[in-house]
Each structure stands twice: as C-alpha cells, then as structure tokens.
C-alpha atoms as a PDB file:
ATOM      1  CA  MET A   1       1.786 -12.707 -79.022  1.00  0.00           C
ATOM      2  CA  PHE A   2       1.068 -10.362 -76.173  1.00  0.00           C
ATOM      3  CA  GLY A   3       2.460  -6.883 -76.051  1.00  0.00           C
ATOM      4  CA  PRO A   4       1.641  -3.223 -75.608  1.00  0.00           C
ATOM      5  CA  LYS A   5      -1.766  -2.084 -76.712  1.00  0.00           C
ATOM      6  CA  LEU A   6      -2.699   1.324 -77.990  1.00  0.00           C
ATOM      7  CA  LYS A   7      -6.094   2.877 -77.368  1.00  0.00           C
ATOM      8  CA  LEU A   8      -7.575   5.057 -80.117  1.00  0.00           C
ATOM      9  CA  ASP A   9     -10.773   7.039 -80.269  1.00  0.00           C
ATOM     10  CA  ARG A  10     -13.428   5.209 -82.264  1.00  0.00           C
ATOM     11  CA  GLU A  11     -13.652   8.060 -84.794  1.00  0.00           C
ATOM     12  CA  LEU A  12      -9.899   8.011 -85.406  1.00  0.00           C
ATOM     13  CA  TYR A  13      -9.857   4.233 -85.772  1.00  0.00           C
ATOM     14  CA  GLU A  14     -12.703   4.335 -88.275  1.00  0.00           C
ATOM     15  CA  ARG A  15     -10.856   7.026 -90.223  1.00  0.00           C
ATOM     16  CA  LEU A  16      -7.728   4.853 -90.227  1.00  0.00           C
ATOM     17  CA  GLN A  17      -9.805   1.883 -91.396  1.00  0.00           C
ATOM     18  CA  ARG A  18     -11.016   3.882 -94.405  1.00  0.00           C
ATOM     19  CA  CYS A  19      -7.457   4.975 -95.195  1.00  0.00           C
ATOM     20  CA  ALA A  20      -6.147   1.424 -94.911  1.00  0.00           C
ATOM     21  CA  GLU A  21      -8.821   0.124 -97.260  1.00  0.00           C
ATOM     22  CA  ALA A  22      -8.249   2.924 -99.780  1.00  0.00           C
ATOM     23  CA  ALA A  23      -4.481   2.315 -99.728  1.00  0.00           C
ATOM     24  CA  GLY A  24      -4.893  -1.451-100.175  1.00  0.00           C
ATOM     25  CA  TYR A  25      -3.516  -2.611 -96.823  1.00  0.00           C
ATOM     26  CA  SER A  26      -4.581  -6.070 -95.673  1.00  0.00           C
ATOM     27  CA  SER A  27      -5.641  -4.710 -92.266  1.00  0.00           C
ATOM     28  CA  THR A  28      -6.007  -1.507 -90.313  1.00  0.00           C
ATOM     29  CA  ASP A  29      -3.315  -2.705 -87.896  1.00  0.00           C
ATOM     30  CA  GLU A  30      -0.879  -3.157 -90.783  1.00  0.00           C
ATOM     31  CA  PHE A  31      -1.601   0.383 -92.004  1.00  0.00           C
ATOM     32  CA  ILE A  32      -1.148   1.893 -88.531  1.00  0.00           C
ATOM     33  CA  ARG A  33       2.072  -0.051 -87.924  1.00  0.00           C
ATOM     34  CA  HIS A  34       3.511   1.002 -91.304  1.00  0.00           C
ATOM     35  CA  THR A  35       2.567   4.650 -90.744  1.00  0.00           C
ATOM     36  CA  LEU A  36       4.173   4.706 -87.294  1.00  0.00           C
ATOM     37  CA  GLU A  37       7.301   2.984 -88.604  1.00  0.00           C
ATOM     38  CA  LYS A  38       7.643   5.649 -91.319  1.00  0.00           C
ATOM     39  CA  ALA A  39       7.264   8.452 -88.785  1.00  0.00           C
ATOM     40  CA  ALA A  40       9.795   6.882 -86.406  1.00  0.00           C
ATOM     41  CA  ALA A  41      12.304   6.332 -89.228  1.00  0.00           C
ATOM     42  CA  ALA A  42      11.987   9.963 -90.296  1.00  0.00           C
ATOM     43  CA  ILE A  43      12.771  11.120 -86.769  1.00  0.00           C
ATOM     44  CA  GLU A  44      15.652   8.680 -86.299  1.00  0.00           C
ATOM     45  CA  GLU A  45      17.286   9.737 -89.578  1.00  0.00           C
ATOM     46  CA  ALA A  46      16.974  13.452 -88.899  1.00  0.00           C
ATOM     47  CA  ASP A  47      20.124  15.457 -88.260  1.00  0.00           C
ATOM     48  CA  SER A  48      18.517  18.261 -86.296  1.00  0.00           C
ATOM     49  CA  GLU A  49      15.326  19.270 -84.540  1.00  0.00           C
ATOM     50  CA  GLU A  50      14.471  21.558 -87.468  1.00  0.00           C
ATOM     51  CA  GLU A  51      14.851  18.662 -89.905  1.00  0.00           C
ATOM     52  CA  VAL A  52      12.597  16.540 -87.684  1.00  0.00           C
ATOM     53  CA  LYS A  53       9.921  19.241 -87.855  1.00  0.00           C
ATOM     54  CA  LYS A  54      10.237  19.483 -91.656  1.00  0.00           C
ATOM     55  CA  ARG A  55       9.944  15.722 -92.069  1.00  0.00           C
ATOM     56  CA  LEU A  56       6.929  15.505 -89.773  1.00  0.00           C
ATOM     57  CA  GLN A  57       5.305  18.344 -91.710  1.00  0.00           C
ATOM     58  CA  GLY A  58       6.016  16.461 -94.926  1.00  0.00           C
ATOM     59  CA  LEU A  59       4.311  13.378 -93.480  1.00  0.00           C
ATOM     60  CA  GLY A  60       1.340  15.522 -92.451  1.00  0.00           C
ATOM     61  CA  TYR A  61       1.838  15.227 -88.690  1.00  0.00           C
ATOM     62  CA  LEU A  62       2.512  18.923 -88.110  1.00  0.00           C
ATOM     63  CA  ASP A  63       0.846  21.977 -89.586  1.00  0.00           C
END
C-alpha cells in the first residue's frame, strides 16, 4: 500500500518509539496512527473553537 508519508525528526520518532513500547503498542506506526486519530476525533466532535482548544489541552497538544 502506497500513500502519504510523514517525515519526523529522529529525536521525536525515538521518543514516540519509547512511548509506543511503554504503552504496549505493537509498533510505533500503530501508536502514532492511534494518537493522530484521537486528536482528529476530538477536533471533529468539538462544538466550538474554545472546546477544540480545551480538548487539545486535555490531550497534551497545547499548553
């Protein structure tokens, strides 16, 4: 299957690898895909921009 590819800094990828292993994912790609799906779902379900910000903060994407 060929599709879009995403480039990540080596340091970030290694960090994501450690997180994936600690969380019990079968692969780093699976962990990244699941994390992005959760973030996208939170945005899609949001009723307002303020709710989007709150959800992203809750997921740790915003300070």
